Amino acid sequence: MGAVSILVLTIAAIAFSGIALLISRVVLKASTNPRKGEAYECGIPAQGSNWIQFNVGYYLFALIFLIFDVELVFLFPWAVVVKKIGWPALIEIIIFFFILFMGFLYAHRKGALKWI
């Protein structure tokens, strides 16, 4: 394994992506309907412009949700091996939670958790 494996995987990923795009272009017919490019939400026709400004608070709220969602991804493998590892695993997860909690406090003090 090494550089050759990474090169082979990269070439395979590019080839599979290219083949999928080529097959879709060959099999599907092109649509010339102008409504195809419109925004779609729940079957209701779009009204007004699609380009509107969102408050940056929603973006920050989503990023904080993502951080705590990713925390669960790391928590599951830890829970599976915690008995095998023992005390070092407990100390590591306490440090991990402490770092997350400090991030939560920072976000709270900056006002990123206030819904606008």
C-alpha atoms as a PDB file:
ATOM      1  CA  MET A   1       0.000   0.000   0.000  1.00  0.00           C
ATOM      2  CA  GLY A   2       1.087   3.559  -0.259  1.00  0.00           C
ATOM      3  CA  ALA A   3       1.272   6.003  -3.101  1.00  0.00           C
ATOM      4  CA  VAL A   4       0.340   3.386  -5.694  1.00  0.00           C
ATOM      5  CA  SER A   5      -2.875   2.531  -3.813  1.00  0.00           C
ATOM      6  CA  ILE A   6      -3.891   6.169  -3.574  1.00  0.00           C
ATOM      7  CA  LEU A   7      -3.179   6.656  -7.277  1.00  0.00           C
ATOM      8  CA  VAL A   8      -5.238   3.577  -8.232  1.00  0.00           C
ATOM      9  CA  LEU A   9      -8.153   4.682  -6.008  1.00  0.00           C
ATOM     10  CA  THR A  10      -8.053   8.197  -7.444  1.00  0.00           C
ATOM     11  CA  ILE A  11      -8.087   6.892 -11.011  1.00  0.00           C
ATOM     12  CA  ALA A  12     -10.935   4.487 -10.145  1.00  0.00           C
ATOM     13  CA  ALA A  13     -12.972   7.308  -8.572  1.00  0.00           C
ATOM     14  CA  ILE A  14     -12.510   9.549 -11.598  1.00  0.00           C
ATOM     15  CA  ALA A  15     -13.317   6.681 -13.972  1.00  0.00           C
ATOM     16  CA  PHE A  16     -16.500   5.663 -12.118  1.00  0.00           C
ATOM     17  CA  SER A  17     -17.683   9.274 -11.953  1.00  0.00           C
ATOM     18  CA  GLY A  18     -16.972   9.818 -15.628  1.00  0.00           C
ATOM     19  CA  ILE A  19     -18.699   6.591 -16.634  1.00  0.00           C
ATOM     20  CA  ALA A  20     -21.794   7.495 -14.590  1.00  0.00           C
ATOM     21  CA  LEU A  21     -21.978  10.938 -16.202  1.00  0.00           C
ATOM     22  CA  LEU A  22     -21.481   9.464 -19.662  1.00  0.00           C
ATOM     23  CA  ILE A  23     -24.218   6.866 -19.156  1.00  0.00           C
ATOM     24  CA  SER A  24     -26.672   9.484 -17.899  1.00  0.00           C
ATOM     25  CA  ARG A  25     -25.937  11.718 -20.881  1.00  0.00           C
ATOM     26  CA  VAL A  26     -26.418   8.873 -23.345  1.00  0.00           C
ATOM     27  CA  VAL A  27     -29.533   7.322 -21.771  1.00  0.00           C
ATOM     28  CA  LEU A  28     -31.481  10.443 -20.775  1.00  0.00           C
ATOM     29  CA  LYS A  29     -32.893  12.864 -23.271  1.00  0.00           C
ATOM     30  CA  ALA A  30     -32.257  16.567 -22.799  1.00  0.00           C
ATOM     31  CA  SER A  31     -35.170  18.641 -21.548  1.00  0.00           C
ATOM     32  CA  THR A  32     -35.817  22.023 -23.104  1.00  0.00           C
ATOM     33  CA  ASN A  33     -38.584  22.943 -20.675  1.00  0.00           C
ATOM     34  CA  PRO A  34     -37.755  26.334 -19.077  1.00  0.00           C
ATOM     35  CA  ARG A  35     -39.569  25.358 -15.855  1.00  0.00           C
ATOM     36  CA  LYS A  36     -37.022  22.634 -15.212  1.00  0.00           C
ATOM     37  CA  GLY A  37     -34.504  25.195 -13.969  1.00  0.00           C
ATOM     38  CA  GLU A  38     -36.908  26.832 -11.518  1.00  0.00           C
ATOM     39  CA  ALA A  39     -36.717  26.385  -7.780  1.00  0.00           C
ATOM     40  CA  TYR A  40     -39.041  23.696  -6.450  1.00  0.00           C
ATOM     41  CA  GLU A  41     -40.466  23.419  -2.975  1.00  0.00           C
ATOM     42  CA  CYS A  42     -43.359  21.158  -1.985  1.00  0.00           C
ATOM     43  CA  GLY A  43     -45.096  21.431  -5.339  1.00  0.00           C
ATOM     44  CA  ILE A  44     -45.793  25.130  -4.895  1.00  0.00           C
ATOM     45  CA  PRO A  45     -44.724  27.287  -7.852  1.00  0.00           C
ATOM     46  CA  ALA A  46     -41.924  29.710  -7.062  1.00  0.00           C
ATOM     47  CA  GLN A  47     -42.886  33.332  -6.487  1.00  0.00           C
ATOM     48  CA  GLY A  48     -40.475  36.191  -6.784  1.00  0.00           C
ATOM     49  CA  SER A  49     -36.719  35.930  -7.082  1.00  0.00           C
ATOM     50  CA  ASN A  50     -34.763  32.853  -6.074  1.00  0.00           C
ATOM     51  CA  TRP A  51     -31.874  35.012  -4.929  1.00  0.00           C
ATOM     52  CA  ILE A  52     -32.649  36.213  -1.427  1.00  0.00           C
ATOM     53  CA  GLN A  53     -30.359  37.052   1.446  1.00  0.00           C
ATOM     54  CA  PHE A  54     -30.331  34.848   4.522  1.00  0.00           C
ATOM     55  CA  ASN A  55     -29.265  35.969   7.929  1.00  0.00           C
ATOM     56  CA  VAL A  56     -25.790  34.663   8.801  1.00  0.00           C
ATOM     57  CA  GLY A  57     -27.201  33.447  12.132  1.00  0.00           C
ATOM     58  CA  TYR A  58     -28.829  30.515  10.381  1.00  0.00           C
ATOM     59  CA  TYR A  59     -25.471  29.541   8.934  1.00  0.00           C
ATOM     60  CA  LEU A  60     -23.799  29.661  12.351  1.00  0.00           C
ATOM     61  CA  PHE A  61     -26.624  27.669  13.886  1.00  0.00           C
ATOM     62  CA  ALA A  62     -26.202  25.001  11.189  1.00  0.00           C
ATOM     63  CA  LEU A  63     -22.443  24.827  11.728  1.00  0.00           C
ATOM     64  CA  ILE A  64     -22.869  24.349  15.458  1.00  0.00           C
ATOM     65  CA  PHE A  65     -25.418  21.607  14.810  1.00  0.00           C
ATOM     66  CA  LEU A  66     -22.931  19.968  12.452  1.00  0.00           C
ATOM     67  CA  ILE A  67     -20.185  20.070  15.083  1.00  0.00           C
ATOM     68  CA  PHE A  68     -22.358  18.317  17.651  1.00  0.00           C
ATOM     69  CA  ASP A  69     -23.625  15.880  15.041  1.00  0.00           C
ATOM     70  CA  VAL A  70     -20.062  14.903  14.148  1.00  0.00           C
ATOM     71  CA  GLU A  71     -19.410  14.418  17.855  1.00  0.00           C
ATOM     72  CA  LEU A  72     -21.873  11.518  17.799  1.00  0.00           C
ATOM     73  CA  VAL A  73     -19.967   9.952  14.920  1.00  0.00           C
ATOM     74  CA  PHE A  74     -16.860   9.859  17.117  1.00  0.00           C
ATOM     75  CA  LEU A  75     -18.770   8.804  20.222  1.00  0.00           C
ATOM     76  CA  PHE A  76     -20.112   5.528  18.790  1.00  0.00           C
ATOM     77  CA  PRO A  77     -16.730   3.884  17.999  1.00  0.00           C
ATOM     78  CA  TRP A  78     -15.465   5.022  21.388  1.00  0.00           C
ATOM     79  CA  ALA A  79     -18.420   3.330  23.114  1.00  0.00           C
ATOM     80  CA  VAL A  80     -17.667   0.082  21.286  1.00  0.00           C
ATOM     81  CA  VAL A  81     -14.038  -0.159  22.458  1.00  0.00           C
ATOM     82  CA  VAL A  82     -14.188   1.577  25.838  1.00  0.00           C
ATOM     83  CA  LYS A  83     -14.079  -1.699  27.815  1.00  0.00           C
ATOM     84  CA  LYS A  84     -10.993  -2.902  25.974  1.00  0.00           C
ATOM     85  CA  ILE A  85      -9.046   0.321  26.399  1.00  0.00           C
ATOM     86  CA  GLY A  86     -10.120   1.172  29.947  1.00  0.00           C
ATOM     87  CA  TRP A  87      -9.134   4.341  31.783  1.00  0.00           C
ATOM     88  CA  PRO A  88      -7.222   6.006  28.940  1.00  0.00           C
ATOM     89  CA  ALA A  89     -10.408   5.902  26.850  1.00  0.00           C
ATOM     90  CA  LEU A  90     -12.358   7.562  29.646  1.00  0.00           C
ATOM     91  CA  ILE A  91      -9.763  10.310  29.996  1.00  0.00           C
ATOM     92  CA  GLU A  92      -9.707  10.870  26.231  1.00  0.00           C
ATOM     93  CA  ILE A  93     -13.491  11.235  26.024  1.00  0.00           C
ATOM     94  CA  ILE A  94     -13.510  13.629  28.974  1.00  0.00           C
ATOM     95  CA  ILE A  95     -10.940  15.802  27.165  1.00  0.00           C
ATOM     96  CA  PHE A  96     -13.001  15.532  23.959  1.00  0.00           C
ATOM     97  CA  PHE A  97     -16.178  16.615  25.767  1.00  0.00           C
ATOM     98  CA  PHE A  98     -14.309  19.441  27.470  1.00  0.00           C
ATOM     99  CA  ILE A  99     -13.153  20.792  24.099  1.00  0.00           C
ATOM    100  CA  LEU A 100     -16.703  20.532  22.723  1.00  0.00           C
ATOM    101  CA  PHE A 101     -18.105  22.222  25.808  1.00  0.00           C
ATOM    102  CA  MET A 102     -15.635  25.097  25.443  1.00  0.00           C
ATOM    103  CA  GLY A 103     -16.772  25.486  21.828  1.00  0.00           C
ATOM    104  CA  PHE A 104     -20.382  25.492  23.008  1.00  0.00           C
ATOM    105  CA  LEU A 105     -19.623  28.193  25.594  1.00  0.00           C
ATOM    106  CA  TYR A 106     -17.829  30.272  22.963  1.00  0.00           C
ATOM    107  CA  ALA A 107     -20.792  30.013  20.598  1.00  0.00           C
ATOM    108  CA  HIS A 108     -23.213  30.860  23.400  1.00  0.00           C
ATOM    109  CA  ARG A 109     -21.240  33.957  24.427  1.00  0.00           C
ATOM    110  CA  LYS A 110     -21.012  35.124  20.807  1.00  0.00           C
ATOM    111  CA  GLY A 111     -24.795  34.803  20.516  1.00  0.00           C
ATOM    112  CA  ALA A 112     -24.712  32.176  17.778  1.00  0.00           C
ATOM    113  CA  LEU A 113     -27.343  30.063  19.540  1.00  0.00           C
ATOM    114  CA  LYS A 114     -29.996  32.772  19.674  1.00  0.00           C
ATOM    115  CA  TRP A 115     -32.682  32.077  17.113  1.00  0.00           C
ATOM    116  CA  ILE A 116     -33.462  35.178  15.121  1.00  0.00           C
END
